[in-house]
PDB file of all heavy atoms in Angstrom:
ATOM      1  N   ASN A   1     135.902  29.162  98.326  1.00  0.00           N
ATOM      2  CA  ASN A   1     137.111  28.771  97.592  1.00  0.00           C
ATOM      3  C   ASN A   1     137.040  27.332  97.084  1.00  0.00           C
ATOM      4  O   ASN A   1     137.972  26.858  96.420  1.00  0.00           O
ATOM      5  CB  ASN A   1     138.357  28.949  98.459  1.00  0.00           C
ATOM      6  CG  ASN A   1     138.759  30.402  98.622  1.00  0.00           C
ATOM      7  OD1 ASN A   1     138.553  31.218  97.724  1.00  0.00           O
ATOM      8  ND2 ASN A   1     139.316  30.745  99.772  1.00  0.00           N
ATOM      9  N   SER A   2     135.958  26.641  97.410  1.00  0.00           N
ATOM     10  CA  SER A   2     135.668  25.303  96.859  1.00  0.00           C
ATOM     11  C   SER A   2     136.809  24.316  97.081  1.00  0.00           C
ATOM     12  O   SER A   2     137.260  23.633  96.153  1.00  0.00           O
ATOM     13  CB  SER A   2     135.335  25.403  95.356  1.00  0.00           C
ATOM     14  OG  SER A   2     134.165  26.167  95.147  1.00  0.00           O
ATOM     15  N   ARG A   3     137.236  24.215  98.330  1.00  0.00           N
ATOM     16  CA  ARG A   3     138.333  23.308  98.657  1.00  0.00           C
ATOM     17  C   ARG A   3     138.278  22.954 100.140  1.00  0.00           C
ATOM     18  O   ARG A   3     137.527  23.550 100.910  1.00  0.00           O
ATOM     19  CB  ARG A   3     139.679  23.963  98.334  1.00  0.00           C
ATOM     20  CG  ARG A   3     139.965  25.207  99.183  1.00  0.00           C
ATOM     21  CD  ARG A   3     141.197  25.952  98.744  1.00  0.00           C
ATOM     22  NE  ARG A   3     141.391  27.163  99.543  1.00  0.00           N
ATOM     23  CZ  ARG A   3     142.333  28.082  99.319  1.00  0.00           C
ATOM     24  NH1 ARG A   3     143.165  27.935  98.291  1.00  0.00           N
ATOM     25  NH2 ARG A   3     142.451  29.145 100.103  1.00  0.00           N
ATOM     26  N   VAL A   4     139.099  21.984 100.497  1.00  0.00           N
ATOM     27  CA  VAL A   4     139.354  21.654 101.896  1.00  0.00           C
ATOM     28  C   VAL A   4     140.811  21.967 102.175  1.00  0.00           C
ATOM     29  O   VAL A   4     141.695  21.635 101.367  1.00  0.00           O
ATOM     30  CB  VAL A   4     139.083  20.160 102.173  1.00  0.00           C
ATOM     31  CG1 VAL A   4     139.462  19.807 103.609  1.00  0.00           C
ATOM     32  CG2 VAL A   4     137.626  19.827 101.911  1.00  0.00           C
ATOM     33  N   GLN A   5     141.075  22.610 103.303  1.00  0.00           N
ATOM     34  CA  GLN A   5     142.445  22.865 103.718  1.00  0.00           C
ATOM     35  C   GLN A   5     142.726  22.129 105.027  1.00  0.00           C
ATOM     36  O   GLN A   5     141.836  21.976 105.861  1.00  0.00           O
ATOM     37  CB  GLN A   5     142.698  24.358 103.907  1.00  0.00           C
ATOM     38  CG  GLN A   5     142.536  25.177 102.634  1.00  0.00           C
ATOM     39  CD  GLN A   5     143.154  26.559 102.779  1.00  0.00           C
ATOM     40  OE1 GLN A   5     144.363  26.715 102.826  1.00  0.00           O
ATOM     41  NE2 GLN A   5     142.302  27.574 102.846  1.00  0.00           N
ATOM     42  N   VAL A   6     143.968  21.691 105.188  1.00  0.00           N
ATOM     43  CA  VAL A   6     144.370  20.949 106.374  1.00  0.00           C
ATOM     44  C   VAL A   6     145.523  21.684 107.052  1.00  0.00           C
ATOM     45  O   VAL A   6     146.466  22.137 106.384  1.00  0.00           O
ATOM     46  CB  VAL A   6     144.803  19.512 106.027  1.00  0.00           C
ATOM     47  CG1 VAL A   6     145.038  18.707 107.313  1.00  0.00           C
ATOM     48  CG2 VAL A   6     143.749  18.824 105.163  1.00  0.00           C
ATOM     49  N   PHE A   7     145.450  21.776 108.380  1.00  0.00           N
ATOM     50  CA  PHE A   7     146.446  22.471 109.179  1.00  0.00           C
ATOM     51  C   PHE A   7     146.861  21.573 110.345  1.00  0.00           C
ATOM     52  O   PHE A   7     146.094  20.721 110.792  1.00  0.00           O
ATOM     53  CB  PHE A   7     145.873  23.784 109.742  1.00  0.00           C
ATOM     54  CG  PHE A   7     145.358  24.723 108.683  1.00  0.00           C
ATOM     55  CD1 PHE A   7     144.076  24.565 108.154  1.00  0.00           C
ATOM     56  CD2 PHE A   7     146.137  25.756 108.210  1.00  0.00           C
ATOM     57  CE1 PHE A   7     143.595  25.416 107.175  1.00  0.00           C
ATOM     58  CE2 PHE A   7     145.669  26.620 107.230  1.00  0.00           C
ATOM     59  CZ  PHE A   7     144.397  26.447 106.712  1.00  0.00           C
ATOM     60  N   ASP A   8     148.076  21.793 110.850  1.00  0.00           N
ATOM     61  CA  ASP A   8     148.455  21.058 112.049  1.00  0.00           C
ATOM     62  C   ASP A   8     147.845  21.732 113.271  1.00  0.00           C
ATOM     63  O   ASP A   8     147.130  22.730 113.159  1.00  0.00           O
ATOM     64  CB  ASP A   8     149.976  20.901 112.143  1.00  0.00           C
ATOM     65  CG  ASP A   8     150.721  22.198 112.457  1.00  0.00           C
ATOM     66  OD1 ASP A   8     150.084  23.203 112.844  1.00  0.00           O
ATOM     67  OD2 ASP A   8     151.960  22.217 112.324  1.00  0.00           O
ATOM     68  N   LYS A   9     148.113  21.187 114.457  1.00  0.00           N
ATOM     69  CA  LYS A   9     147.457  21.674 115.672  1.00  0.00           C
ATOM     70  C   LYS A   9     147.850  23.100 116.030  1.00  0.00           C
ATOM     71  O   LYS A   9     147.167  23.748 116.827  1.00  0.00           O
ATOM     72  CB  LYS A   9     147.756  20.742 116.835  1.00  0.00           C
ATOM     73  CG  LYS A   9     149.224  20.670 117.231  1.00  0.00           C
ATOM     74  CD  LYS A   9     149.424  19.685 118.364  1.00  0.00           C
ATOM     75  CE  LYS A   9     150.893  19.592 118.770  1.00  0.00           C
ATOM     76  NZ  LYS A   9     151.085  18.611 119.869  1.00  0.00           N
ATOM     77  N   ASN A  10     148.934  23.599 115.443  1.00  0.00           N
ATOM     78  CA  ASN A  10     149.364  24.967 115.690  1.00  0.00           C
ATOM     79  C   ASN A  10     148.901  25.936 114.612  1.00  0.00           C
ATOM     80  O   ASN A  10     149.286  27.103 114.622  1.00  0.00           O
ATOM     81  CB  ASN A  10     150.885  25.023 115.804  1.00  0.00           C
ATOM     82  CG  ASN A  10     151.404  24.217 116.974  1.00  0.00           C
ATOM     83  OD1 ASN A  10     150.894  24.326 118.089  1.00  0.00           O
ATOM     84  ND2 ASN A  10     152.400  23.379 116.736  1.00  0.00           N
ATOM     85  N   GLY A  11     148.095  25.445 113.671  1.00  0.00           N
ATOM     86  CA  GLY A  11     147.572  26.309 112.630  1.00  0.00           C
ATOM     87  C   GLY A  11     148.469  26.463 111.428  1.00  0.00           C
ATOM     88  O   GLY A  11     148.232  27.341 110.588  1.00  0.00           O
ATOM     89  N   ASN A  12     149.507  25.621 111.334  1.00  0.00           N
ATOM     90  CA  ASN A  12     150.384  25.668 110.170  1.00  0.00           C
ATOM     91  C   ASN A  12     149.764  24.887 109.009  1.00  0.00           C
ATOM     92  O   ASN A  12     149.303  23.760 109.196  1.00  0.00           O
ATOM     93  CB  ASN A  12     151.753  25.076 110.507  1.00  0.00           C
ATOM     94  CG  ASN A  12     152.451  25.831 111.616  1.00  0.00           C
ATOM     95  OD1 ASN A  12     152.630  27.039 111.535  1.00  0.00           O
ATOM     96  ND2 ASN A  12     152.836  25.126 112.667  1.00  0.00           N
ATOM     97  N   PHE A  13     149.781  25.476 107.834  1.00  0.00           N
ATOM     98  CA  PHE A  13     149.190  24.846 106.650  1.00  0.00           C
ATOM     99  C   PHE A  13     149.929  23.564 106.291  1.00  0.00           C
ATOM    100  O   PHE A  13     151.166  23.516 106.273  1.00  0.00           O
ATOM    101  CB  PHE A  13     149.220  25.819 105.471  1.00  0.00           C
ATOM    102  CG  PHE A  13     148.783  25.203 104.170  1.00  0.00           C
ATOM    103  CD1 PHE A  13     147.439  25.083 103.870  1.00  0.00           C
ATOM    104  CD2 PHE A  13     149.717  24.726 103.257  1.00  0.00           C
ATOM    105  CE1 PHE A  13     147.030  24.509 102.678  1.00  0.00           C
ATOM    106  CE2 PHE A  13     149.322  24.150 102.062  1.00  0.00           C
ATOM    107  CZ  PHE A  13     147.974  24.039 101.774  1.00  0.00           C
ATOM    108  N   LEU A  14     149.157  22.505 105.990  1.00  0.00           N
ATOM    109  CA  LEU A  14     149.733  21.232 105.571  1.00  0.00           C
ATOM    110  C   LEU A  14     149.425  20.898 104.117  1.00  0.00           C
ATOM    111  O   LEU A  14     150.318  20.596 103.341  1.00  0.00           O
ATOM    112  CB  LEU A  14     149.230  20.095 106.473  1.00  0.00           C
ATOM    113  CG  LEU A  14     149.634  20.137 107.943  1.00  0.00           C
ATOM    114  CD1 LEU A  14     149.008  18.971 108.692  1.00  0.00           C
ATOM    115  CD2 LEU A  14     151.152  20.122 108.086  1.00  0.00           C
ATOM    116  N   THR A  15     148.157  20.933 103.745  1.00  0.00           N
ATOM    117  CA  THR A  15     147.790  20.574 102.381  1.00  0.00           C
ATOM    118  C   THR A  15     146.394  21.101 102.066  1.00  0.00           C
ATOM    119  O   THR A  15     145.678  21.575 102.952  1.00  0.00           O
ATOM    120  CB  THR A  15     147.836  19.039 102.191  1.00  0.00           C
ATOM    121  OG1 THR A  15     147.735  18.723 100.799  1.00  0.00           O
ATOM    122  CG2 THR A  15     146.694  18.346 102.917  1.00  0.00           C
ATOM    123  N   ALA A  16     146.021  21.008 100.803  1.00  0.00           N
ATOM    124  CA  ALA A  16     144.686  21.416 100.362  1.00  0.00           C
ATOM    125  C   ALA A  16     144.217  20.460  99.280  1.00  0.00           C
ATOM    126  O   ALA A  16     145.024  19.819  98.596  1.00  0.00           O
ATOM    127  CB  ALA A  16     144.688  22.848  99.834  1.00  0.00           C
ATOM    128  N   TYR A  17     142.902  20.369  99.140  1.00  0.00           N
ATOM    129  CA  TYR A  17     142.317  19.510  98.104  1.00  0.00           C
ATOM    130  C   TYR A  17     141.071  20.191  97.559  1.00  0.00           C
ATOM    131  O   TYR A  17     140.235  20.694  98.316  1.00  0.00           O
ATOM    132  CB  TYR A  17     141.935  18.144  98.684  1.00  0.00           C
ATOM    133  CG  TYR A  17     141.316  17.212  97.652  1.00  0.00           C
ATOM    134  CD1 TYR A  17     142.109  16.376  96.886  1.00  0.00           C
ATOM    135  CD2 TYR A  17     139.937  17.209  97.427  1.00  0.00           C
ATOM    136  CE1 TYR A  17     141.552  15.541  95.925  1.00  0.00           C
ATOM    137  CE2 TYR A  17     139.376  16.390  96.471  1.00  0.00           C
ATOM    138  CZ  TYR A  17     140.181  15.553  95.724  1.00  0.00           C
ATOM    139  OH  TYR A  17     139.634  14.745  94.763  1.00  0.00           O
ATOM    140  N   GLY A  18     140.919  20.159  96.241  1.00  0.00           N
ATOM    141  CA  GLY A  18     139.711  20.664  95.604  1.00  0.00           C
ATOM    142  C   GLY A  18     139.948  21.896  94.764  1.00  0.00           C
ATOM    143  O   GLY A  18     140.861  22.695  95.017  1.00  0.00           O
ATOM    144  N   GLN A  19     139.104  22.047  93.749  1.00  0.00           N
ATOM    145  CA  GLN A  19     139.126  23.198  92.861  1.00  0.00           C
ATOM    146  C   GLN A  19     137.692  23.591  92.528  1.00  0.00           C
ATOM    147  O   GLN A  19     136.778  22.760  92.590  1.00  0.00           O
ATOM    148  CB  GLN A  19     139.875  22.876  91.567  1.00  0.00           C
ATOM    149  CG  GLN A  19     141.342  22.574  91.742  1.00  0.00           C
ATOM    150  CD  GLN A  19     142.008  22.231  90.420  1.00  0.00           C
ATOM    151  OE1 GLN A  19     141.353  21.827  89.462  1.00  0.00           O
ATOM    152  NE2 GLN A  19     143.319  22.398  90.366  1.00  0.00           N
ATOM    153  N   PRO A  20     137.472  24.848  92.132  1.00  0.00           N
ATOM    154  CA  PRO A  20     136.117  25.255  91.757  1.00  0.00           C
ATOM    155  C   PRO A  20     135.637  24.548  90.496  1.00  0.00           C
ATOM    156  O   PRO A  20     136.418  24.272  89.581  1.00  0.00           O
ATOM    157  CB  PRO A  20     136.255  26.766  91.518  1.00  0.00           C
ATOM    158  CG  PRO A  20     137.486  27.168  92.247  1.00  0.00           C
ATOM    159  CD  PRO A  20     138.402  25.983  92.164  1.00  0.00           C
ATOM    160  N   ALA A  21     134.344  24.255  90.450  1.00  0.00           N
ATOM    161  CA  ALA A  21     133.725  23.746  89.231  1.00  0.00           C
ATOM    162  C   ALA A  21     133.833  24.796  88.137  1.00  0.00           C
ATOM    163  O   ALA A  21     133.705  26.005  88.393  1.00  0.00           O
ATOM    164  CB  ALA A  21     132.264  23.402  89.492  1.00  0.00           C
ATOM    165  N   VAL A  22     134.074  24.341  86.889  1.00  0.00           N
ATOM    166  CA  VAL A  22     134.222  25.267  85.768  1.00  0.00           C
ATOM    167  C   VAL A  22     133.337  24.821  84.607  1.00  0.00           C
ATOM    168  O   VAL A  22     132.951  23.652  84.503  1.00  0.00           O
ATOM    169  CB  VAL A  22     135.692  25.370  85.304  1.00  0.00           C
ATOM    170  CG1 VAL A  22     136.567  25.967  86.395  1.00  0.00           C
ATOM    171  CG2 VAL A  22     136.230  24.008  84.872  1.00  0.00           C
ATOM    172  N   ASN A  23     133.033  25.760  83.730  1.00  0.00           N
ATOM    173  CA  ASN A  23     132.264  25.430  82.531  1.00  0.00           C
ATOM    174  C   ASN A  23     133.211  25.058  81.390  1.00  0.00           C
ATOM    175  O   ASN A  23     134.433  24.964  81.580  1.00  0.00           O
ATOM    176  CB  ASN A  23     131.336  26.589  82.144  1.00  0.00           C
ATOM    177  CG  ASN A  23     132.087  27.873  81.826  1.00  0.00           C
ATOM    178  OD1 ASN A  23     133.279  27.858  81.490  1.00  0.00           O
ATOM    179  ND2 ASN A  23     131.403  29.003  81.928  1.00  0.00           N
ATOM    180  N   ALA A  24     132.655  24.860  80.204  1.00  0.00           N
ATOM    181  CA  ALA A  24     133.463  24.405  79.068  1.00  0.00           C
ATOM    182  C   ALA A  24     134.531  25.418  78.666  1.00  0.00           C
ATOM    183  O   ALA A  24     135.532  25.058  78.051  1.00  0.00           O
ATOM    184  CB  ALA A  24     132.550  24.118  77.874  1.00  0.00           C
ATOM    185  N   SER A  25     134.332  26.674  79.037  1.00  0.00           N
ATOM    186  CA  SER A  25     135.312  27.721  78.721  1.00  0.00           C
ATOM    187  C   SER A  25     136.338  27.909  79.825  1.00  0.00           C
ATOM    188  O   SER A  25     137.199  28.787  79.732  1.00  0.00           O
ATOM    189  CB  SER A  25     134.590  29.046  78.459  1.00  0.00           C
ATOM    190  OG  SER A  25     133.679  28.923  77.382  1.00  0.00           O
ATOM    191  N   GLY A  26     136.227  27.096  80.878  1.00  0.00           N
ATOM    192  CA  GLY A  26     137.168  27.205  81.980  1.00  0.00           C
ATOM    193  C   GLY A  26     136.820  28.263  82.998  1.00  0.00           C
ATOM    194  O   GLY A  26     137.621  28.557  83.892  1.00  0.00           O
ATOM    195  N   GLN A  27     135.627  28.846  82.893  1.00  0.00           N
ATOM    196  CA  GLN A  27     135.199  29.863  83.853  1.00  0.00           C
ATOM    197  C   GLN A  27     134.541  29.201  85.054  1.00  0.00           C
ATOM    198  O   GLN A  27     133.847  28.191  84.922  1.00  0.00           O
ATOM    199  CB  GLN A  27     134.211  30.825  83.183  1.00  0.00           C
ATOM    200  CG  GLN A  27     134.802  31.591  82.003  1.00  0.00           C
ATOM    201  CD  GLN A  27     133.746  32.373  81.250  1.00  0.00           C
ATOM    202  OE1 GLN A  27     132.644  31.875  81.001  1.00  0.00           O
ATOM    203  NE2 GLN A  27     134.078  33.595  80.863  1.00  0.00           N
ATOM    204  N   ILE A  28     134.755  29.776  86.226  1.00  0.00           N
ATOM    205  CA  ILE A  28     134.172  29.220  87.450  1.00  0.00           C
ATOM    206  C   ILE A  28     132.652  29.308  87.399  1.00  0.00           C
ATOM    207  O   ILE A  28     132.081  30.345  87.052  1.00  0.00           O
ATOM    208  CB  ILE A  28     134.716  29.963  88.679  1.00  0.00           C
ATOM    209  CG1 ILE A  28     136.225  29.684  88.842  1.00  0.00           C
ATOM    210  CG2 ILE A  28     133.971  29.544  89.939  1.00  0.00           C
ATOM    211  CD1 ILE A  28     136.871  30.439  89.977  1.00  0.00           C
ATOM    212  N   VAL A  29     131.998  28.209  87.722  1.00  0.00           N
ATOM    213  CA  VAL A  29     130.536  28.163  87.723  1.00  0.00           C
ATOM    214  C   VAL A  29     130.021  28.854  88.983  1.00  0.00           C
ATOM    215  O   VAL A  29     130.394  28.476  90.103  1.00  0.00           O
ATOM    216  CB  VAL A  29     130.027  26.709  87.679  1.00  0.00           C
ATOM    217  CG1 VAL A  29     128.498  26.680  87.691  1.00  0.00           C
ATOM    218  CG2 VAL A  29     130.568  25.987  86.453  1.00  0.00           C
ATOM    219  N   PRO A  30     129.166  29.869  88.845  1.00  0.00           N
ATOM    220  CA  PRO A  30     128.657  30.563  90.034  1.00  0.00           C
ATOM    221  C   PRO A  30     127.628  29.719  90.767  1.00  0.00           C
ATOM    222  O   PRO A  30     127.052  28.783  90.195  1.00  0.00           O
ATOM    223  CB  PRO A  30     128.013  31.825  89.447  1.00  0.00           C
ATOM    224  CG  PRO A  30     127.586  31.411  88.070  1.00  0.00           C
ATOM    225  CD  PRO A  30     128.651  30.446  87.589  1.00  0.00           C
ATOM    226  N   PRO A  31     127.368  30.025  92.036  1.00  0.00           N
ATOM    227  CA  PRO A  31     126.305  29.325  92.756  1.00  0.00           C
ATOM    228  C   PRO A  31     124.941  29.681  92.163  1.00  0.00           C
ATOM    229  O   PRO A  31     124.798  30.720  91.508  1.00  0.00           O
ATOM    230  CB  PRO A  31     126.441  29.843  94.187  1.00  0.00           C
ATOM    231  CG  PRO A  31     127.104  31.171  94.049  1.00  0.00           C
ATOM    232  CD  PRO A  31     128.037  31.041  92.877  1.00  0.00           C
ATOM    233  N   PRO A  32     123.945  28.850  92.372  1.00  0.00           N
ATOM    234  CA  PRO A  32     122.623  29.114  91.788  1.00  0.00           C
ATOM    235  C   PRO A  32     121.883  30.224  92.521  1.00  0.00           C
ATOM    236  O   PRO A  32     122.210  30.571  93.656  1.00  0.00           O
ATOM    237  CB  PRO A  32     121.906  27.776  91.971  1.00  0.00           C
ATOM    238  CG  PRO A  32     122.528  27.190  93.195  1.00  0.00           C
ATOM    239  CD  PRO A  32     123.970  27.585  93.144  1.00  0.00           C
ATOM    240  N   ALA A  33     120.881  30.758  91.844  1.00  0.00           N
ATOM    241  CA  ALA A  33     120.010  31.745  92.478  1.00  0.00           C
ATOM    242  C   ALA A  33     119.177  31.074  93.564  1.00  0.00           C
ATOM    243  O   ALA A  33     118.865  29.877  93.485  1.00  0.00           O
ATOM    244  CB  ALA A  33     119.096  32.379  91.433  1.00  0.00           C
ATOM    245  N   LEU A  34     118.816  31.837  94.578  1.00  0.00           N
ATOM    246  CA  LEU A  34     118.068  31.273  95.699  1.00  0.00           C
ATOM    247  C   LEU A  34     116.690  30.775  95.296  1.00  0.00           C
ATOM    248  O   LEU A  34     116.144  29.865  95.927  1.00  0.00           O
ATOM    249  CB  LEU A  34     117.928  32.325  96.806  1.00  0.00           C
ATOM    250  CG  LEU A  34     119.193  32.666  97.585  1.00  0.00           C
ATOM    251  CD1 LEU A  34     118.913  33.787  98.569  1.00  0.00           C
ATOM    252  CD2 LEU A  34     119.715  31.434  98.311  1.00  0.00           C
ATOM    253  N   ASP A  35     116.114  31.355  94.246  1.00  0.00           N
ATOM    254  CA  ASP A  35     114.757  30.977  93.846  1.00  0.00           C
ATOM    255  C   ASP A  35     114.742  29.934  92.731  1.00  0.00           C
ATOM    256  O   ASP A  35     113.688  29.647  92.154  1.00  0.00           O
ATOM    257  CB  ASP A  35     113.959  32.208  93.415  1.00  0.00           C
ATOM    258  CG  ASP A  35     114.625  32.971  92.269  1.00  0.00           C
ATOM    259  OD1 ASP A  35     115.762  32.615  91.891  1.00  0.00           O
ATOM    260  OD2 ASP A  35     114.003  33.928  91.763  1.00  0.00           O
ATOM    261  N   GLY A  36     115.900  29.348  92.423  1.00  0.00           N
ATOM    262  CA  GLY A  36     115.962  28.350  91.376  1.00  0.00           C
ATOM    263  C   GLY A  36     116.410  27.002  91.888  1.00  0.00           C
ATOM    264  O   GLY A  36     116.528  26.794  93.110  1.00  0.00           O
ATOM    265  N   PRO A  37     116.664  26.050  90.989  1.00  0.00           N
ATOM    266  CA  PRO A  37     117.171  24.744  91.406  1.00  0.00           C
ATOM    267  C   PRO A  37     118.489  24.890  92.165  1.00  0.00           C
ATOM    268  O   PRO A  37     119.276  25.798  91.873  1.00  0.00           O
ATOM    269  CB  PRO A  37     117.373  24.005  90.076  1.00  0.00           C
ATOM    270  CG  PRO A  37     116.456  24.696  89.111  1.00  0.00           C
ATOM    271  CD  PRO A  37     116.437  26.130  89.533  1.00  0.00           C
ATOM    272  N   PRO A  38     118.752  24.014  93.139  1.00  0.00           N
ATOM    273  CA  PRO A  38     119.912  24.189  94.014  1.00  0.00           C
ATOM    274  C   PRO A  38     121.218  23.664  93.435  1.00  0.00           C
ATOM    275  O   PRO A  38     122.045  23.106  94.158  1.00  0.00           O
ATOM    276  CB  PRO A  38     119.501  23.388  95.251  1.00  0.00           C
ATOM    277  CG  PRO A  38     118.669  22.284  94.713  1.00  0.00           C
ATOM    278  CD  PRO A  38     117.903  22.883  93.557  1.00  0.00           C
ATOM    279  N   TYR A  39     121.399  23.834  92.134  1.00  0.00           N
ATOM    280  CA  TYR A  39     122.595  23.327  91.476  1.00  0.00           C
ATOM    281  C   TYR A  39     123.236  24.408  90.616  1.00  0.00           C
ATOM    282  O   TYR A  39     122.548  25.261  90.035  1.00  0.00           O
ATOM    283  CB  TYR A  39     122.269  22.130  90.571  1.00  0.00           C
ATOM    284  CG  TYR A  39     121.545  21.001  91.257  1.00  0.00           C
ATOM    285  CD1 TYR A  39     120.353  20.501  90.743  1.00  0.00           C
ATOM    286  CD2 TYR A  39     122.055  20.430  92.425  1.00  0.00           C
ATOM    287  CE1 TYR A  39     119.680  19.458  91.366  1.00  0.00           C
ATOM    288  CE2 TYR A  39     121.391  19.394  93.061  1.00  0.00           C
ATOM    289  CZ  TYR A  39     120.204  18.910  92.531  1.00  0.00           C
ATOM    290  OH  TYR A  39     119.546  17.881  93.154  1.00  0.00           O
ATOM    291  N   GLY A  40     124.565  24.361  90.523  1.00  0.00           N
ATOM    292  CA  GLY A  40     125.242  25.216  89.579  1.00  0.00           C
ATOM    293  C   GLY A  40     124.938  24.781  88.155  1.00  0.00           C
ATOM    294  O   GLY A  40     124.591  23.630  87.897  1.00  0.00           O
ATOM    295  N   ASN A  41     125.068  25.721  87.218  1.00  0.00           N
ATOM    296  CA  ASN A  41     124.784  25.416  85.820  1.00  0.00           C
ATOM    297  C   ASN A  41     125.907  25.975  84.947  1.00  0.00           C
ATOM    298  O   ASN A  41     126.079  27.188  84.860  1.00  0.00           O
ATOM    299  CB  ASN A  41     123.450  26.025  85.412  1.00  0.00           C
ATOM    300  CG  ASN A  41     123.027  25.632  84.007  1.00  0.00           C
ATOM    301  OD1 ASN A  41     123.552  24.683  83.435  1.00  0.00           O
ATOM    302  ND2 ASN A  41     122.076  26.367  83.450  1.00  0.00           N
ATOM    303  N   PRO A  42     126.692  25.062  84.353  1.00  0.00           N
ATOM    304  CA  PRO A  42     126.532  23.602  84.312  1.00  0.00           C
ATOM    305  C   PRO A  42     127.157  22.920  85.529  1.00  0.00           C
ATOM    306  O   PRO A  42     127.887  23.552  86.295  1.00  0.00           O
ATOM    307  CB  PRO A  42     127.292  23.218  83.039  1.00  0.00           C
ATOM    308  CG  PRO A  42     128.418  24.208  83.004  1.00  0.00           C
ATOM    309  CD  PRO A  42     127.824  25.506  83.491  1.00  0.00           C
ATOM    310  N   LEU A  43     126.852  21.648  85.676  1.00  0.00           N
ATOM    311  CA  LEU A  43     127.515  20.828  86.683  1.00  0.00           C
ATOM    312  C   LEU A  43     128.905  20.433  86.182  1.00  0.00           C
ATOM    313  O   LEU A  43     129.106  20.248  84.981  1.00  0.00           O
ATOM    314  CB  LEU A  43     126.693  19.569  86.974  1.00  0.00           C
ATOM    315  CG  LEU A  43     125.319  19.778  87.609  1.00  0.00           C
ATOM    316  CD1 LEU A  43     124.516  18.493  87.559  1.00  0.00           C
ATOM    317  CD2 LEU A  43     125.457  20.275  89.038  1.00  0.00           C
ATOM    318  N   ASP A  44     129.841  20.319  87.097  1.00  0.00           N
ATOM    319  CA  ASP A  44     131.181  19.830  86.778  1.00  0.00           C
ATOM    320  C   ASP A  44     131.487  18.723  87.785  1.00  0.00           C
ATOM    321  O   ASP A  44     132.001  18.980  88.875  1.00  0.00           O
ATOM    322  CB  ASP A  44     132.203  20.964  86.882  1.00  0.00           C
ATOM    323  CG  ASP A  44     133.625  20.531  86.520  1.00  0.00           C
ATOM    324  OD1 ASP A  44     133.817  19.333  86.218  1.00  0.00           O
ATOM    325  OD2 ASP A  44     134.527  21.384  86.552  1.00  0.00           O
TER     326      ASP A  44
END
């Protein structure tokens, strides 16, 4: 989900930060193939 979530000690949701990387069309950039460079294409 490409984010960090924060909860209190009882597991109640407090806040979240982060969004998925997207390309110029606003589509989520998928993770790279295992046999290729270790970066999404394109980088955001």
